[in-house]
Amino acid sequence: MYEQLRKDEFIRYKLGLVHGRMKKAEIESLMQSFYSGEIDILVATTVLEVGVDVANATCMVIEHAERFGLSQLHQLRGRVEGVNSSRIVC
């Protein structure tokens, strides 16, 4: 999915990929790049479910949402609910 997004749909943007098999230092480095705006779009597994709040994140797409429970979906949605919640799309 990441490769398809990077090569087709979002070719004009800088994408980052974070998943659970990555080392903590790699994840932290990519997250810092996302926070600072060096990465425009972050593709991630649910490894980012808890403890990640990005003020400028305004959109989240959850592929196969039917695989998650309501509690987990609510937690995921909370990752993009920042100060300006009127702009949030999930």
N, C-alpha and C. Protein backbone atom coordinates (compact mmCIF):
# COMPACT_ATOMS: atom_id res chain seq x y z
N MET A 1 0.81 -1.19 0.00
CA MET A 1 0.00 0.00 0.00
C MET A 1 0.87 1.27 0.00
N TYR A 2 1.89 1.28 0.84
CA TYR A 2 2.78 2.44 0.93
C TYR A 2 3.41 2.75 -0.42
N GLU A 3 3.93 1.74 -1.10
CA GLU A 3 4.58 1.94 -2.39
C GLU A 3 3.60 2.48 -3.42
N GLN A 4 2.39 1.97 -3.42
CA GLN A 4 1.38 2.45 -4.36
C GLN A 4 1.05 3.91 -4.10
N LEU A 5 0.86 4.27 -2.83
CA LEU A 5 0.57 5.66 -2.49
C LEU A 5 1.73 6.57 -2.89
N ARG A 6 2.95 6.11 -2.61
CA ARG A 6 4.14 6.92 -2.88
C ARG A 6 4.37 7.13 -4.37
N LYS A 7 4.12 6.09 -5.16
CA LYS A 7 4.41 6.16 -6.60
C LYS A 7 3.25 6.68 -7.44
N ASP A 8 2.03 6.58 -6.93
CA ASP A 8 0.87 6.95 -7.74
C ASP A 8 0.09 8.13 -7.16
N GLU A 9 -0.70 7.87 -6.15
CA GLU A 9 -1.65 8.85 -5.64
C GLU A 9 -0.99 10.11 -5.06
N PHE A 10 0.11 9.95 -4.35
CA PHE A 10 0.72 11.08 -3.66
C PHE A 10 2.16 11.32 -4.13
N ILE A 11 2.37 11.24 -5.41
CA ILE A 11 3.72 11.35 -5.97
C ILE A 11 4.36 12.71 -5.68
N ARG A 12 3.56 13.74 -5.49
CA ARG A 12 4.08 15.10 -5.24
C ARG A 12 4.42 15.35 -3.78
N TYR A 13 4.14 14.40 -2.92
CA TYR A 13 4.34 14.58 -1.48
C TYR A 13 5.45 13.67 -0.97
N LYS A 14 6.01 14.04 0.17
CA LYS A 14 6.99 13.19 0.84
C LYS A 14 6.25 12.30 1.82
N LEU A 15 6.40 10.99 1.63
CA LEU A 15 5.72 10.02 2.49
C LEU A 15 6.72 9.33 3.40
N GLY A 16 6.23 8.97 4.58
CA GLY A 16 7.01 8.18 5.52
C GLY A 16 6.22 6.95 5.90
N LEU A 17 6.91 5.88 6.27
CA LEU A 17 6.28 4.63 6.65
C LEU A 17 6.78 4.21 8.03
N VAL A 18 5.83 3.93 8.93
CA VAL A 18 6.17 3.47 10.28
C VAL A 18 5.38 2.20 10.55
N HIS A 19 6.07 1.16 11.04
CA HIS A 19 5.41 -0.09 11.38
C HIS A 19 6.10 -0.73 12.57
N GLY A 20 5.48 -1.72 13.14
CA GLY A 20 5.95 -2.34 14.37
C GLY A 20 7.26 -3.09 14.28
N ARG A 21 7.73 -3.43 13.11
CA ARG A 21 8.99 -4.17 12.97
C ARG A 21 10.21 -3.25 12.92
N MET A 22 9.95 -1.95 12.96
CA MET A 22 11.05 -0.99 12.91
C MET A 22 11.65 -0.81 14.31
N LYS A 23 12.90 -0.41 14.35
CA LYS A 23 13.55 -0.11 15.62
C LYS A 23 13.01 1.21 16.16
N LYS A 24 13.00 1.31 17.47
CA LYS A 24 12.44 2.49 18.12
C LYS A 24 13.11 3.78 17.62
N ALA A 25 14.41 3.75 17.42
CA ALA A 25 15.14 4.93 16.95
C ALA A 25 14.67 5.35 15.55
N GLU A 26 14.38 4.36 14.69
CA GLU A 26 13.89 4.66 13.35
C GLU A 26 12.52 5.33 13.41
N ILE A 27 11.65 4.77 14.26
CA ILE A 27 10.30 5.33 14.42
C ILE A 27 10.39 6.75 14.93
N GLU A 28 11.21 6.97 15.95
CA GLU A 28 11.33 8.31 16.52
C GLU A 28 11.87 9.30 15.49
N SER A 29 12.81 8.88 14.67
CA SER A 29 13.37 9.74 13.64
C SER A 29 12.30 10.12 12.60
N LEU A 30 11.53 9.14 12.15
CA LEU A 30 10.46 9.42 11.19
C LEU A 30 9.38 10.30 11.80
N MET A 31 9.04 10.04 13.05
CA MET A 31 8.03 10.86 13.71
C MET A 31 8.50 12.30 13.84
N GLN A 32 9.76 12.50 14.16
CA GLN A 32 10.30 13.86 14.26
C GLN A 32 10.23 14.55 12.90
N SER A 33 10.51 13.81 11.84
CA SER A 33 10.41 14.37 10.48
C SER A 33 8.97 14.75 10.16
N PHE A 34 8.02 13.95 10.63
CA PHE A 34 6.60 14.25 10.40
C PHE A 34 6.19 15.47 11.21
N TYR A 35 6.60 15.53 12.49
CA TYR A 35 6.28 16.68 13.34
C TYR A 35 6.81 17.97 12.73
N SER A 36 8.02 17.93 12.19
CA SER A 36 8.67 19.14 11.68
C SER A 36 8.21 19.53 10.28
N GLY A 37 7.44 18.65 9.62
CA GLY A 37 6.93 18.96 8.29
C GLY A 37 7.80 18.47 7.15
N GLU A 38 8.88 17.77 7.46
CA GLU A 38 9.73 17.21 6.40
C GLU A 38 9.01 16.09 5.65
N ILE A 39 8.12 15.39 6.35
CA ILE A 39 7.28 14.35 5.76
C ILE A 39 5.86 14.89 5.75
N ASP A 40 5.21 14.83 4.57
CA ASP A 40 3.86 15.36 4.44
C ASP A 40 2.79 14.36 4.86
N ILE A 41 3.01 13.10 4.53
CA ILE A 41 2.02 12.06 4.79
C ILE A 41 2.71 10.90 5.48
N LEU A 42 2.12 10.46 6.58
CA LEU A 42 2.68 9.35 7.33
C LEU A 42 1.76 8.14 7.19
N VAL A 43 2.28 7.05 6.66
CA VAL A 43 1.56 5.79 6.53
C VAL A 43 2.05 4.93 7.69
N ALA A 44 1.10 4.42 8.48
CA ALA A 44 1.51 3.71 9.70
C ALA A 44 0.54 2.59 10.04
N THR A 45 1.07 1.61 10.74
CA THR A 45 0.23 0.58 11.32
C THR A 45 -0.26 1.11 12.66
N THR A 46 -0.98 0.31 13.40
CA THR A 46 -1.51 0.77 14.69
C THR A 46 -0.43 0.90 15.74
N VAL A 47 0.83 0.77 15.37
CA VAL A 47 1.94 1.02 16.30
C VAL A 47 1.84 2.44 16.83
N LEU A 48 1.17 3.32 16.11
CA LEU A 48 1.02 4.72 16.51
C LEU A 48 -0.28 4.99 17.25
N GLU A 49 -0.93 3.95 17.70
CA GLU A 49 -2.24 4.10 18.31
C GLU A 49 -2.24 5.00 19.54
N VAL A 50 -1.30 4.84 20.43
CA VAL A 50 -1.32 5.56 21.70
C VAL A 50 -0.09 6.45 21.83
N GLY A 51 -0.30 7.64 22.35
CA GLY A 51 0.81 8.51 22.70
C GLY A 51 1.38 9.34 21.57
N VAL A 52 0.69 9.42 20.46
CA VAL A 52 1.17 10.23 19.35
C VAL A 52 0.11 11.28 19.05
N ASP A 53 0.46 12.52 19.26
CA ASP A 53 -0.43 13.63 18.95
C ASP A 53 0.32 14.60 18.06
N VAL A 54 -0.20 14.81 16.87
CA VAL A 54 0.43 15.70 15.92
C VAL A 54 -0.54 16.84 15.64
N ALA A 55 -0.16 18.03 16.06
CA ALA A 55 -1.07 19.17 15.97
C ALA A 55 -1.54 19.47 14.55
N ASN A 56 -0.68 19.27 13.56
CA ASN A 56 -1.07 19.60 12.19
C ASN A 56 -1.67 18.42 11.42
N ALA A 57 -1.88 17.29 12.07
CA ALA A 57 -2.52 16.14 11.42
C ALA A 57 -4.02 16.40 11.36
N THR A 58 -4.57 16.40 10.17
CA THR A 58 -5.99 16.72 10.01
C THR A 58 -6.79 15.62 9.33
N CYS A 59 -6.15 14.56 8.91
CA CYS A 59 -6.87 13.51 8.20
C CYS A 59 -6.27 12.15 8.56
N MET A 60 -7.15 11.18 8.75
CA MET A 60 -6.71 9.82 9.00
C MET A 60 -7.59 8.88 8.17
N VAL A 61 -6.96 7.97 7.48
CA VAL A 61 -7.68 6.95 6.73
C VAL A 61 -7.36 5.61 7.38
N ILE A 62 -8.40 4.89 7.74
CA ILE A 62 -8.22 3.58 8.37
C ILE A 62 -8.67 2.51 7.39
N GLU A 63 -7.69 1.81 6.85
CA GLU A 63 -8.02 0.75 5.90
C GLU A 63 -8.53 -0.47 6.67
N HIS A 64 -9.60 -1.06 6.19
CA HIS A 64 -10.23 -2.22 6.81
C HIS A 64 -10.65 -1.93 8.25
N ALA A 65 -11.37 -0.83 8.43
CA ALA A 65 -11.81 -0.42 9.77
C ALA A 65 -12.67 -1.48 10.44
N GLU A 66 -13.29 -2.34 9.65
CA GLU A 66 -14.14 -3.39 10.23
C GLU A 66 -13.33 -4.40 11.05
N ARG A 67 -12.04 -4.39 10.92
CA ARG A 67 -11.17 -5.31 11.68
C ARG A 67 -10.89 -4.81 13.09
N PHE A 68 -11.28 -3.56 13.39
CA PHE A 68 -11.00 -2.97 14.69
C PHE A 68 -12.27 -2.88 15.52
N GLY A 69 -12.11 -2.86 16.82
CA GLY A 69 -13.23 -2.64 17.71
C GLY A 69 -13.50 -1.16 17.87
N LEU A 70 -14.65 -0.82 18.45
CA LEU A 70 -15.00 0.58 18.62
C LEU A 70 -14.01 1.34 19.50
N SER A 71 -13.52 0.69 20.54
CA SER A 71 -12.57 1.33 21.44
C SER A 71 -11.28 1.68 20.70
N GLN A 72 -10.77 0.75 19.91
CA GLN A 72 -9.54 1.00 19.18
C GLN A 72 -9.74 2.09 18.12
N LEU A 73 -10.89 2.08 17.44
CA LEU A 73 -11.17 3.12 16.46
C LEU A 73 -11.25 4.49 17.12
N HIS A 74 -11.85 4.53 18.30
CA HIS A 74 -11.94 5.79 19.04
C HIS A 74 -10.54 6.29 19.42
N GLN A 75 -9.68 5.38 19.85
CA GLN A 75 -8.31 5.77 20.18
C GLN A 75 -7.56 6.27 18.95
N LEU A 76 -7.74 5.60 17.83
CA LEU A 76 -7.09 6.03 16.60
C LEU A 76 -7.58 7.42 16.18
N ARG A 77 -8.87 7.62 16.25
CA ARG A 77 -9.43 8.92 15.90
C ARG A 77 -8.86 10.03 16.78
N GLY A 78 -8.59 9.71 18.02
CA GLY A 78 -8.03 10.68 18.95
C GLY A 78 -6.65 11.16 18.57
N ARG A 79 -5.96 10.43 17.69
CA ARG A 79 -4.61 10.85 17.27
C ARG A 79 -4.66 12.09 16.40
N VAL A 80 -5.77 12.36 15.73
CA VAL A 80 -5.86 13.54 14.86
C VAL A 80 -6.78 14.62 15.41
N GLU A 81 -7.33 14.41 16.59
CA GLU A 81 -8.18 15.44 17.18
C GLU A 81 -7.32 16.42 17.95
N GLY A 82 -6.91 17.45 17.26
CA GLY A 82 -6.06 18.45 17.87
C GLY A 82 -6.86 19.64 18.36
N VAL A 83 -6.19 20.76 18.47
CA VAL A 83 -6.81 21.98 18.95
C VAL A 83 -7.90 22.45 18.02
N ASN A 84 -7.68 22.35 16.74
CA ASN A 84 -8.65 22.82 15.74
C ASN A 84 -9.46 21.65 15.22
N SER A 85 -10.31 21.08 16.05
CA SER A 85 -11.05 19.87 15.67
C SER A 85 -12.09 20.11 14.59
N SER A 86 -12.37 21.36 14.22
CA SER A 86 -13.34 21.62 13.15
C SER A 86 -12.79 21.21 11.79
N ARG A 87 -11.47 21.05 11.66
CA ARG A 87 -10.84 20.69 10.38
C ARG A 87 -10.58 19.20 10.28
N ILE A 88 -10.88 18.43 11.28
CA ILE A 88 -10.52 17.02 11.34
C ILE A 88 -11.44 16.18 10.45
N VAL A 89 -10.84 15.23 9.73
CA VAL A 89 -11.59 14.27 8.92
C VAL A 89 -11.08 12.88 9.25
N CYS A 90 -12.00 11.97 9.51
CA CYS A 90 -11.59 10.60 9.82
C CYS A 90 -12.56 9.66 9.15
